[in-house]
Amino acid sequence: MNTKNRNLVIGGLAIAIVIAILAPFLASSNPDGLESAAESLGVPESEAVFESPLPDYAIPGMEDNPWGGVIALIFGTILVVLVMLGLAYIISKKGNGQE
């Protein structure tokens, strides 16, 4: 990875972490997202395919503490960045004909 791309990834990660830190404090306690829309339309809840490691963006035992949400969001952000960097590395190696 060249310096320009590395700086772009680091800058994007820094912005994502700032958003992850602020999100639990700025989010509405009464959201009107997917779950409430499904509830108002009468869509029945279904069973989860697999158990989420951090359900509802919270650390188990810290559900009412916004800092638990901050930790969960930072962990998830870093995990997604690492997975995507790994995939980009694999795809770039296959594109160059190297394995």
N, C-alpha and C. Protein backbone atom coordinates (compact mmCIF):
# COMPACT_ATOMS: atom_id res chain seq x y z
N MET A 1 0.85 -1.17 0.00
CA MET A 1 0.00 0.00 0.00
C MET A 1 0.90 1.23 0.00
N ASN A 2 0.63 2.12 -0.94
CA ASN A 2 1.47 3.33 -1.00
C ASN A 2 1.05 4.33 0.08
N THR A 3 1.85 5.36 0.24
CA THR A 3 1.65 6.33 1.31
C THR A 3 0.31 7.05 1.18
N LYS A 4 -0.07 7.42 -0.04
CA LYS A 4 -1.32 8.13 -0.27
C LYS A 4 -2.52 7.28 0.17
N ASN A 5 -2.52 6.02 -0.22
CA ASN A 5 -3.62 5.12 0.16
C ASN A 5 -3.63 4.86 1.66
N ARG A 6 -2.45 4.69 2.24
CA ARG A 6 -2.38 4.46 3.68
C ARG A 6 -2.92 5.67 4.46
N ASN A 7 -2.56 6.87 4.03
CA ASN A 7 -3.08 8.07 4.68
C ASN A 7 -4.59 8.19 4.52
N LEU A 8 -5.11 7.80 3.37
CA LEU A 8 -6.55 7.83 3.14
C LEU A 8 -7.26 6.85 4.08
N VAL A 9 -6.72 5.65 4.24
CA VAL A 9 -7.32 4.66 5.13
C VAL A 9 -7.25 5.14 6.59
N ILE A 10 -6.12 5.68 6.99
CA ILE A 10 -5.98 6.16 8.37
C ILE A 10 -6.92 7.33 8.63
N GLY A 11 -7.03 8.25 7.68
CA GLY A 11 -7.94 9.38 7.82
C GLY A 11 -9.39 8.93 7.89
N GLY A 12 -9.77 8.00 7.03
CA GLY A 12 -11.13 7.48 7.05
C GLY A 12 -11.43 6.75 8.35
N LEU A 13 -10.47 5.98 8.84
CA LEU A 13 -10.64 5.27 10.10
C LEU A 13 -10.78 6.26 11.26
N ALA A 14 -10.00 7.34 11.24
CA ALA A 14 -10.10 8.34 12.30
C ALA A 14 -11.47 9.00 12.30
N ILE A 15 -11.99 9.34 11.12
CA ILE A 15 -13.32 9.94 11.02
C ILE A 15 -14.38 8.95 11.50
N ALA A 16 -14.26 7.68 11.10
CA ALA A 16 -15.23 6.66 11.52
C ALA A 16 -15.22 6.47 13.03
N ILE A 17 -14.05 6.53 13.65
CA ILE A 17 -13.96 6.36 15.10
C ILE A 17 -14.56 7.57 15.82
N VAL A 18 -14.35 8.77 15.29
CA VAL A 18 -14.97 9.96 15.89
C VAL A 18 -16.49 9.83 15.83
N ILE A 19 -17.01 9.39 14.69
CA ILE A 19 -18.46 9.18 14.57
C ILE A 19 -18.93 8.10 15.54
N ALA A 20 -18.15 7.02 15.69
CA ALA A 20 -18.51 5.95 16.63
C ALA A 20 -18.54 6.45 18.06
N ILE A 21 -17.66 7.37 18.41
CA ILE A 21 -17.64 7.91 19.77
C ILE A 21 -18.84 8.83 20.00
N LEU A 22 -19.20 9.63 19.01
CA LEU A 22 -20.29 10.58 19.18
C LEU A 22 -21.68 9.97 19.01
N ALA A 23 -21.81 8.92 18.21
CA ALA A 23 -23.11 8.37 17.85
C ALA A 23 -24.00 8.00 19.04
N PRO A 24 -23.53 7.29 20.05
CA PRO A 24 -24.43 6.94 21.15
C PRO A 24 -24.97 8.15 21.91
N PHE A 25 -24.23 9.23 21.91
CA PHE A 25 -24.67 10.41 22.64
C PHE A 25 -25.60 11.28 21.81
N LEU A 26 -25.51 11.19 20.48
CA LEU A 26 -26.34 12.01 19.60
C LEU A 26 -27.56 11.27 19.06
N ALA A 27 -27.57 9.95 19.17
CA ALA A 27 -28.67 9.16 18.62
C ALA A 27 -29.95 9.39 19.42
N SER A 28 -31.06 9.31 18.71
CA SER A 28 -32.36 9.49 19.36
C SER A 28 -32.68 8.27 20.21
N SER A 29 -33.27 8.51 21.36
CA SER A 29 -33.69 7.39 22.19
C SER A 29 -35.00 6.79 21.69
N ASN A 30 -35.63 7.45 20.74
CA ASN A 30 -36.89 6.98 20.16
C ASN A 30 -36.74 6.96 18.63
N PRO A 31 -35.93 6.06 18.09
CA PRO A 31 -35.68 6.07 16.65
C PRO A 31 -36.89 5.59 15.85
N ASP A 32 -36.97 6.01 14.61
CA ASP A 32 -38.05 5.56 13.74
C ASP A 32 -37.46 4.86 12.52
N GLY A 33 -36.66 3.89 12.78
CA GLY A 33 -35.96 3.17 11.71
C GLY A 33 -36.69 1.92 11.27
N LEU A 34 -35.92 0.94 10.87
CA LEU A 34 -36.44 -0.28 10.30
C LEU A 34 -37.33 -1.05 11.26
N GLU A 35 -36.90 -1.18 12.50
CA GLU A 35 -37.68 -1.96 13.46
C GLU A 35 -39.05 -1.34 13.72
N SER A 36 -39.11 0.00 13.89
CA SER A 36 -40.41 0.63 14.16
C SER A 36 -41.29 0.63 12.92
N ALA A 37 -40.70 0.74 11.72
CA ALA A 37 -41.48 0.67 10.49
C ALA A 37 -42.08 -0.73 10.33
N ALA A 38 -41.29 -1.75 10.60
CA ALA A 38 -41.80 -3.12 10.51
C ALA A 38 -42.90 -3.35 11.54
N GLU A 39 -42.72 -2.79 12.74
CA GLU A 39 -43.73 -2.93 13.79
C GLU A 39 -45.03 -2.24 13.40
N SER A 40 -44.93 -1.04 12.83
CA SER A 40 -46.14 -0.31 12.44
C SER A 40 -46.85 -0.97 11.27
N LEU A 41 -46.13 -1.70 10.43
CA LEU A 41 -46.73 -2.41 9.30
C LEU A 41 -47.22 -3.79 9.69
N GLY A 42 -46.93 -4.21 10.89
CA GLY A 42 -47.38 -5.52 11.36
C GLY A 42 -46.56 -6.68 10.84
N VAL A 43 -45.32 -6.43 10.45
CA VAL A 43 -44.44 -7.50 9.97
C VAL A 43 -44.00 -8.33 11.18
N PRO A 44 -44.24 -9.63 11.14
CA PRO A 44 -43.85 -10.44 12.31
C PRO A 44 -42.34 -10.55 12.43
N GLU A 45 -41.86 -10.62 13.68
CA GLU A 45 -40.43 -10.80 13.91
C GLU A 45 -40.05 -12.23 13.56
N SER A 46 -38.86 -12.40 13.01
CA SER A 46 -38.39 -13.72 12.65
C SER A 46 -37.20 -14.08 13.52
N GLU A 47 -36.87 -15.36 13.50
CA GLU A 47 -35.71 -15.83 14.26
C GLU A 47 -34.42 -15.40 13.57
N ALA A 48 -33.43 -15.05 14.35
CA ALA A 48 -32.14 -14.67 13.80
C ALA A 48 -31.43 -15.89 13.23
N VAL A 49 -30.72 -15.67 12.15
CA VAL A 49 -29.96 -16.75 11.53
C VAL A 49 -28.78 -17.13 12.41
N PHE A 50 -28.13 -16.13 13.00
CA PHE A 50 -27.04 -16.38 13.95
C PHE A 50 -27.08 -15.29 15.01
N GLU A 51 -26.47 -15.58 16.14
CA GLU A 51 -26.45 -14.64 17.26
C GLU A 51 -25.39 -13.57 17.04
N SER A 52 -25.77 -12.32 17.18
CA SER A 52 -24.84 -11.22 17.00
C SER A 52 -23.84 -11.19 18.16
N PRO A 53 -22.56 -10.92 17.87
CA PRO A 53 -21.58 -10.85 18.95
C PRO A 53 -21.81 -9.65 19.88
N LEU A 54 -22.33 -8.56 19.34
CA LEU A 54 -22.62 -7.35 20.14
C LEU A 54 -24.02 -6.86 19.76
N PRO A 55 -25.08 -7.53 20.27
CA PRO A 55 -26.44 -7.17 19.86
C PRO A 55 -26.81 -5.74 20.26
N ASP A 56 -27.51 -5.05 19.38
CA ASP A 56 -27.97 -3.68 19.59
C ASP A 56 -26.83 -2.73 19.93
N TYR A 57 -25.66 -2.97 19.37
CA TYR A 57 -24.49 -2.11 19.56
C TYR A 57 -24.17 -1.90 21.03
N ALA A 58 -24.21 -2.96 21.80
CA ALA A 58 -23.94 -2.85 23.24
C ALA A 58 -23.11 -4.04 23.70
N ILE A 59 -22.30 -3.80 24.70
CA ILE A 59 -21.52 -4.86 25.34
C ILE A 59 -22.45 -5.52 26.36
N PRO A 60 -22.52 -6.85 26.39
CA PRO A 60 -23.38 -7.51 27.39
C PRO A 60 -23.04 -7.05 28.80
N GLY A 61 -24.06 -6.65 29.54
CA GLY A 61 -23.88 -6.12 30.88
C GLY A 61 -23.75 -4.61 30.92
N MET A 62 -23.56 -3.98 29.75
CA MET A 62 -23.44 -2.52 29.69
C MET A 62 -24.50 -1.92 28.77
N GLU A 63 -25.67 -2.55 28.70
CA GLU A 63 -26.70 -2.13 27.76
C GLU A 63 -27.19 -0.70 28.01
N ASP A 64 -27.25 -0.26 29.27
CA ASP A 64 -27.76 1.06 29.59
C ASP A 64 -26.67 2.13 29.64
N ASN A 65 -25.43 1.74 29.49
CA ASN A 65 -24.32 2.68 29.55
C ASN A 65 -23.91 3.07 28.13
N PRO A 66 -23.94 4.36 27.78
CA PRO A 66 -23.56 4.74 26.42
C PRO A 66 -22.12 4.41 26.07
N TRP A 67 -21.24 4.29 27.07
CA TRP A 67 -19.85 3.94 26.77
C TRP A 67 -19.72 2.50 26.29
N GLY A 68 -20.66 1.64 26.67
CA GLY A 68 -20.68 0.29 26.12
C GLY A 68 -20.95 0.33 24.63
N GLY A 69 -21.84 1.23 24.22
CA GLY A 69 -22.11 1.42 22.79
C GLY A 69 -20.91 1.97 22.06
N VAL A 70 -20.19 2.88 22.69
CA VAL A 70 -18.98 3.45 22.08
C VAL A 70 -17.96 2.35 21.84
N ILE A 71 -17.74 1.52 22.84
CA ILE A 71 -16.76 0.43 22.71
C ILE A 71 -17.19 -0.54 21.61
N ALA A 72 -18.48 -0.89 21.58
CA ALA A 72 -18.98 -1.81 20.56
C ALA A 72 -18.83 -1.21 19.17
N LEU A 73 -19.14 0.07 19.01
CA LEU A 73 -19.02 0.72 17.70
C LEU A 73 -17.57 0.83 17.25
N ILE A 74 -16.66 1.15 18.16
CA ILE A 74 -15.24 1.23 17.79
C ILE A 74 -14.73 -0.15 17.40
N PHE A 75 -15.09 -1.17 18.17
CA PHE A 75 -14.68 -2.54 17.85
C PHE A 75 -15.21 -2.95 16.47
N GLY A 76 -16.48 -2.68 16.22
CA GLY A 76 -17.07 -3.03 14.93
C GLY A 76 -16.44 -2.27 13.77
N THR A 77 -16.14 -0.99 13.98
CA THR A 77 -15.52 -0.18 12.94
C THR A 77 -14.14 -0.72 12.58
N ILE A 78 -13.34 -1.00 13.59
CA ILE A 78 -11.99 -1.53 13.34
C ILE A 78 -12.06 -2.91 12.69
N LEU A 79 -12.99 -3.74 13.14
CA LEU A 79 -13.15 -5.07 12.55
C LEU A 79 -13.51 -4.99 11.07
N VAL A 80 -14.45 -4.12 10.72
CA VAL A 80 -14.85 -3.98 9.31
C VAL A 80 -13.69 -3.46 8.47
N VAL A 81 -12.94 -2.50 8.98
CA VAL A 81 -11.79 -1.97 8.23
C VAL A 81 -10.76 -3.08 8.00
N LEU A 82 -10.48 -3.87 9.02
CA LEU A 82 -9.50 -4.96 8.86
C LEU A 82 -9.97 -6.01 7.86
N VAL A 83 -11.26 -6.37 7.91
CA VAL A 83 -11.79 -7.34 6.95
C VAL A 83 -11.70 -6.80 5.53
N MET A 84 -12.07 -5.53 5.35
CA MET A 84 -12.01 -4.96 4.01
C MET A 84 -10.57 -4.81 3.50
N LEU A 85 -9.63 -4.47 4.37
CA LEU A 85 -8.23 -4.41 3.96
C LEU A 85 -7.73 -5.80 3.56
N GLY A 86 -8.14 -6.81 4.30
CA GLY A 86 -7.77 -8.18 3.95
C GLY A 86 -8.32 -8.60 2.60
N LEU A 87 -9.60 -8.28 2.36
CA LEU A 87 -10.19 -8.59 1.06
C LEU A 87 -9.51 -7.82 -0.07
N ALA A 88 -9.20 -6.56 0.16
CA ALA A 88 -8.53 -5.76 -0.86
C ALA A 88 -7.15 -6.34 -1.17
N TYR A 89 -6.47 -6.82 -0.14
CA TYR A 89 -5.15 -7.43 -0.34
C TYR A 89 -5.27 -8.70 -1.18
N ILE A 90 -6.24 -9.53 -0.86
CA ILE A 90 -6.44 -10.79 -1.61
C ILE A 90 -6.80 -10.49 -3.05
N ILE A 91 -7.71 -9.55 -3.26
CA ILE A 91 -8.13 -9.22 -4.62
C ILE A 91 -6.98 -8.61 -5.42
N SER A 92 -6.18 -7.76 -4.79
CA SER A 92 -5.06 -7.15 -5.51
C SER A 92 -4.01 -8.19 -5.90
N LYS A 93 -3.80 -9.20 -5.05
CA LYS A 93 -2.84 -10.25 -5.39
C LYS A 93 -3.34 -11.11 -6.55
N LYS A 94 -4.64 -11.39 -6.57
CA LYS A 94 -5.19 -12.19 -7.67
C LYS A 94 -5.19 -11.40 -8.96
N GLY A 95 -5.38 -10.08 -8.88
CA GLY A 95 -5.36 -9.23 -10.06
C GLY A 95 -3.97 -9.12 -10.67
N ASN A 96 -2.94 -9.27 -9.87
CA ASN A 96 -1.57 -9.21 -10.35
C ASN A 96 -1.05 -10.56 -10.82
N GLY A 97 -1.86 -11.60 -10.67
CA GLY A 97 -1.44 -12.92 -11.07
C GLY A 97 -0.56 -13.61 -10.05
N GLN A 98 -0.48 -13.08 -8.84
CA GLN A 98 0.33 -13.67 -7.78
C GLN A 98 -0.57 -14.32 -6.76
N GLU A 99 -0.18 -15.45 -6.26
CA GLU A 99 -0.94 -16.13 -5.20
C GLU A 99 -0.02 -16.71 -4.20
